[in-house]
Amino acid sequence: MTQRNTEVTSMAMWDRLKDQAKNLQQAQRGGGATQEPSRGARSGGGSRAQLVSALKTQLGSFKTELKSGAYRDASMAMCALVAAADGHVDPAERQHVESTILSNEVLQNFPPEQLRQRFNKHVDQLAYNFQEGKAEAMQDIAKAAKKPTEARAVIQTGIVIAGADGDFSQAEHMILREACTVLGVSPAEFQL
């Protein structure tokens, strides 16, 4: 019963924050309620930055719930996939993503060395053989599918990482959509 109550509360909070993100997008476009919210997420950098910021805030609100090893492993796999979405990760990009991970409020639930090790393991595997590395990363991501809050948080973490450099590429979009499928979460929920 307690876990059910937590999931219901989490879903209610998720719905409120999702509405806030949509309102931010509509305000960015001039408040036209008849416009489709997903267009704003895909078009200008301003609304995307606001969406990423809203997702980051929402993630922070779940910090106390996101302490499991499954979330940690799935998030690091997601971060590595986003970083390597275009097929390679140069040292500067790896360093940038690693620094973004270590400064993330929710991921500070875990020792930095654990995060660094898991992230770099996945990036190395993706660099060596992208398809095999991707399959292994998706297996780690799937570990979070049992808990809806964690599953959504993994996707949010990926979106925050993808949006950190201000350039949300089509390859990153596709990786996030695939992760949604693995986690049993609708990509439309995240405007992907």
Protein backbone atom coordinates (compact mmCIF):
# COMPACT_ATOMS: atom_id res chain seq x y z
CA MET A 1 0.00 0.00 0.00
CA THR A 2 2.82 2.41 0.85
CA GLN A 3 4.53 1.91 -2.53
CA ARG A 4 1.17 2.41 -4.28
CA ASN A 5 0.63 5.69 -2.40
CA THR A 6 4.14 6.79 -3.36
CA GLU A 7 3.46 5.98 -7.02
CA VAL A 8 0.14 7.87 -6.96
CA THR A 9 1.83 10.88 -5.32
CA SER A 10 4.70 10.66 -7.83
CA MET A 11 2.27 10.56 -10.75
CA ALA A 12 0.35 13.57 -9.41
CA MET A 13 3.57 15.53 -9.02
CA TRP A 14 4.70 14.40 -12.49
CA ASP A 15 1.40 15.62 -13.97
CA ARG A 16 1.74 19.03 -12.26
CA LEU A 17 5.32 19.48 -13.48
CA LYS A 18 4.44 18.33 -16.98
CA ASP A 19 1.67 20.95 -17.04
CA GLN A 20 4.16 23.56 -15.80
CA ALA A 21 6.55 22.66 -18.61
CA LYS A 22 3.73 22.97 -21.17
CA ASN A 23 2.72 26.33 -19.71
CA LEU A 24 6.31 27.53 -19.95
CA GLN A 25 6.39 26.48 -23.60
CA GLN A 26 3.11 28.24 -24.34
CA ALA A 27 4.30 31.40 -22.57
CA GLN A 28 7.49 31.27 -24.66
CA ARG A 29 5.38 31.16 -27.83
CA GLY A 30 3.00 33.89 -26.71
CA GLY A 31 0.44 31.88 -24.76
CA GLY A 32 -1.54 30.41 -27.65
CA ALA A 33 -3.43 27.58 -25.99
CA THR A 34 -4.44 26.20 -29.37
CA GLN A 35 -0.87 25.50 -30.39
CA GLU A 36 0.47 21.99 -30.04
CA PRO A 37 2.85 21.85 -27.04
CA SER A 38 5.24 19.37 -28.64
CA ARG A 39 6.12 21.80 -31.43
CA GLY A 40 7.69 24.18 -28.91
CA ALA A 41 9.87 21.41 -27.54
CA ARG A 42 11.20 20.60 -30.97
CA SER A 43 11.66 24.08 -32.35
CA GLY A 44 13.38 26.85 -30.45
CA GLY A 45 16.21 26.53 -27.95
CA GLY A 46 14.45 28.75 -25.42
CA SER A 47 11.47 26.48 -24.85
CA ARG A 48 13.69 23.39 -24.89
CA ALA A 49 15.94 24.98 -22.26
CA GLN A 50 12.85 25.71 -20.15
CA LEU A 51 11.62 22.12 -20.57
CA VAL A 52 15.04 20.76 -19.55
CA SER A 53 15.01 23.10 -16.55
CA ALA A 54 11.51 21.95 -15.56
CA LEU A 55 12.57 18.30 -15.85
CA LYS A 56 15.68 19.00 -13.77
CA THR A 57 13.48 20.58 -11.08
CA GLN A 58 11.13 17.62 -11.15
CA LEU A 59 14.02 15.18 -10.83
CA GLY A 60 15.22 17.10 -7.79
CA SER A 61 11.82 16.72 -6.17
CA PHE A 62 12.20 12.91 -6.36
CA LYS A 63 15.74 12.88 -4.96
CA THR A 64 14.78 10.93 -1.83
CA GLU A 65 13.07 8.22 -3.92
CA LEU A 66 15.87 7.77 -6.44
CA LYS A 67 18.50 5.92 -4.44
CA SER A 68 18.38 2.40 -5.86
CA GLY A 69 21.19 0.67 -7.68
CA ALA A 70 18.82 0.04 -10.60
CA TYR A 71 18.24 3.78 -11.05
CA ARG A 72 21.98 4.51 -10.73
CA ASP A 73 22.94 1.87 -13.31
CA ALA A 74 20.13 2.76 -15.71
CA SER A 75 20.93 6.48 -15.50
CA MET A 76 24.62 5.96 -16.21
CA ALA A 77 23.77 3.74 -19.18
CA MET A 78 21.33 6.41 -20.40
CA CYS A 79 23.96 9.16 -20.03
CA ALA A 80 26.51 7.11 -21.97
CA LEU A 81 24.03 6.39 -24.76
CA VAL A 82 23.11 10.06 -25.05
CA ALA A 83 26.79 11.04 -25.12
CA ALA A 84 27.55 8.43 -27.79
CA ALA A 85 24.30 8.79 -29.75
CA ASP A 86 26.12 10.08 -32.84
CA GLY A 87 28.44 7.05 -32.84
CA HIS A 88 31.44 8.53 -31.04
CA VAL A 89 32.44 10.44 -27.92
CA ASP A 90 35.45 12.71 -28.03
CA PRO A 91 37.39 13.33 -24.79
CA ALA A 92 35.97 16.85 -24.35
CA GLU A 93 32.40 15.60 -24.71
CA ARG A 94 33.07 12.74 -22.28
CA GLN A 95 34.47 15.21 -19.75
CA HIS A 96 31.51 17.57 -20.21
CA VAL A 97 28.93 14.81 -19.67
CA GLU A 98 30.85 13.41 -16.71
CA SER A 99 30.95 16.85 -15.11
CA THR A 100 27.21 17.31 -15.76
CA ILE A 101 26.55 13.92 -14.12
CA LEU A 102 28.62 14.73 -11.05
CA SER A 103 26.89 18.09 -10.57
CA ASN A 104 23.38 16.64 -10.96
CA GLU A 105 21.49 17.04 -7.67
CA VAL A 106 19.79 13.62 -7.80
CA LEU A 107 22.88 11.71 -8.88
CA GLN A 108 24.68 13.12 -5.86
CA ASN A 109 22.82 10.35 -3.98
CA PHE A 110 25.63 8.08 -5.21
CA PRO A 111 29.41 8.13 -4.69
CA PRO A 112 31.04 9.99 -7.61
CA GLU A 113 33.45 7.14 -8.30
CA GLN A 114 30.54 4.69 -8.79
CA LEU A 115 28.94 7.05 -11.30
CA ARG A 116 32.22 7.73 -13.11
CA GLN A 117 33.06 4.02 -13.33
CA ARG A 118 29.65 2.98 -14.70
CA PHE A 119 29.44 5.88 -17.16
CA ASN A 120 32.97 5.29 -18.50
CA LYS A 121 32.43 1.52 -18.76
CA HIS A 122 29.43 2.11 -21.03
CA VAL A 123 31.14 4.83 -23.07
CA ASP A 124 34.17 2.54 -23.61
CA GLN A 125 31.89 -0.32 -24.72
CA LEU A 126 29.98 1.98 -27.07
CA ALA A 127 33.24 3.29 -28.55
CA TYR A 128 34.60 -0.24 -29.08
CA ASN A 129 31.44 -1.70 -30.63
CA PHE A 130 28.46 0.62 -30.71
CA GLN A 131 25.77 -2.04 -31.34
CA GLU A 132 26.99 -4.40 -28.61
CA GLY A 133 27.56 -1.50 -26.21
CA LYS A 134 24.08 -0.18 -26.95
CA ALA A 135 22.51 -3.60 -26.29
CA GLU A 136 24.32 -3.82 -22.95
CA ALA A 137 23.35 -0.27 -22.00
CA MET A 138 19.70 -0.98 -22.84
CA GLN A 139 19.83 -4.04 -20.55
CA ASP A 140 20.96 -1.78 -17.69
CA ILE A 141 18.25 0.74 -18.57
CA ALA A 142 15.61 -2.00 -18.49
CA LYS A 143 16.43 -2.62 -14.80
CA ALA A 144 14.52 0.56 -13.93
CA ALA A 145 11.32 -0.53 -15.70
CA LYS A 146 9.85 -2.13 -12.56
CA LYS A 147 9.28 1.21 -10.83
CA PRO A 148 7.44 3.89 -12.85
CA THR A 149 9.07 6.77 -10.96
CA GLU A 150 12.55 5.41 -11.67
CA ALA A 151 11.71 4.65 -15.30
CA ARG A 152 10.56 8.22 -15.91
CA ALA A 153 13.53 9.60 -13.98
CA VAL A 154 15.94 7.70 -16.25
CA ILE A 155 14.38 9.33 -19.32
CA GLN A 156 14.40 12.73 -17.60
CA THR A 157 18.08 12.26 -16.74
CA GLY A 158 18.79 11.48 -20.38
CA ILE A 159 16.91 14.57 -21.54
CA VAL A 160 18.76 16.75 -19.03
CA ILE A 161 22.11 15.36 -20.25
CA ALA A 162 21.08 15.77 -23.91
CA GLY A 163 20.01 19.35 -23.28
CA ALA A 164 23.11 20.29 -21.27
CA ASP A 165 25.08 21.32 -24.36
CA GLY A 166 22.15 23.24 -25.88
CA ASP A 167 22.04 20.92 -28.90
CA PHE A 168 19.39 18.18 -28.79
CA SER A 169 20.30 16.10 -31.84
CA GLN A 170 18.09 13.74 -33.81
CA ALA A 171 20.37 10.84 -32.77
CA GLU A 172 19.82 11.73 -29.09
CA HIS A 173 16.07 11.89 -29.75
CA MET A 174 16.14 8.38 -31.23
CA ILE A 175 18.15 6.93 -28.33
CA LEU A 176 15.72 8.44 -25.83
CA ARG A 177 12.73 7.07 -27.78
CA GLU A 178 14.29 3.58 -27.74
CA ALA A 179 14.91 3.86 -24.00
CA CYS A 180 11.25 4.83 -23.52
CA THR A 181 10.25 1.62 -25.30
CA VAL A 182 12.57 -0.48 -23.13
CA LEU A 183 11.16 1.16 -19.99
CA GLY A 184 7.52 0.91 -21.07
CA VAL A 185 7.09 4.71 -21.01
CA SER A 186 5.37 6.66 -23.77
CA PRO A 187 7.83 8.89 -25.72
CA ALA A 188 4.95 11.38 -26.15
CA GLU A 189 4.96 11.91 -22.38
CA PHE A 190 8.37 13.56 -22.85
CA GLN A 191 7.55 15.18 -26.18
CA LEU A 192 10.00 12.89 -28.01
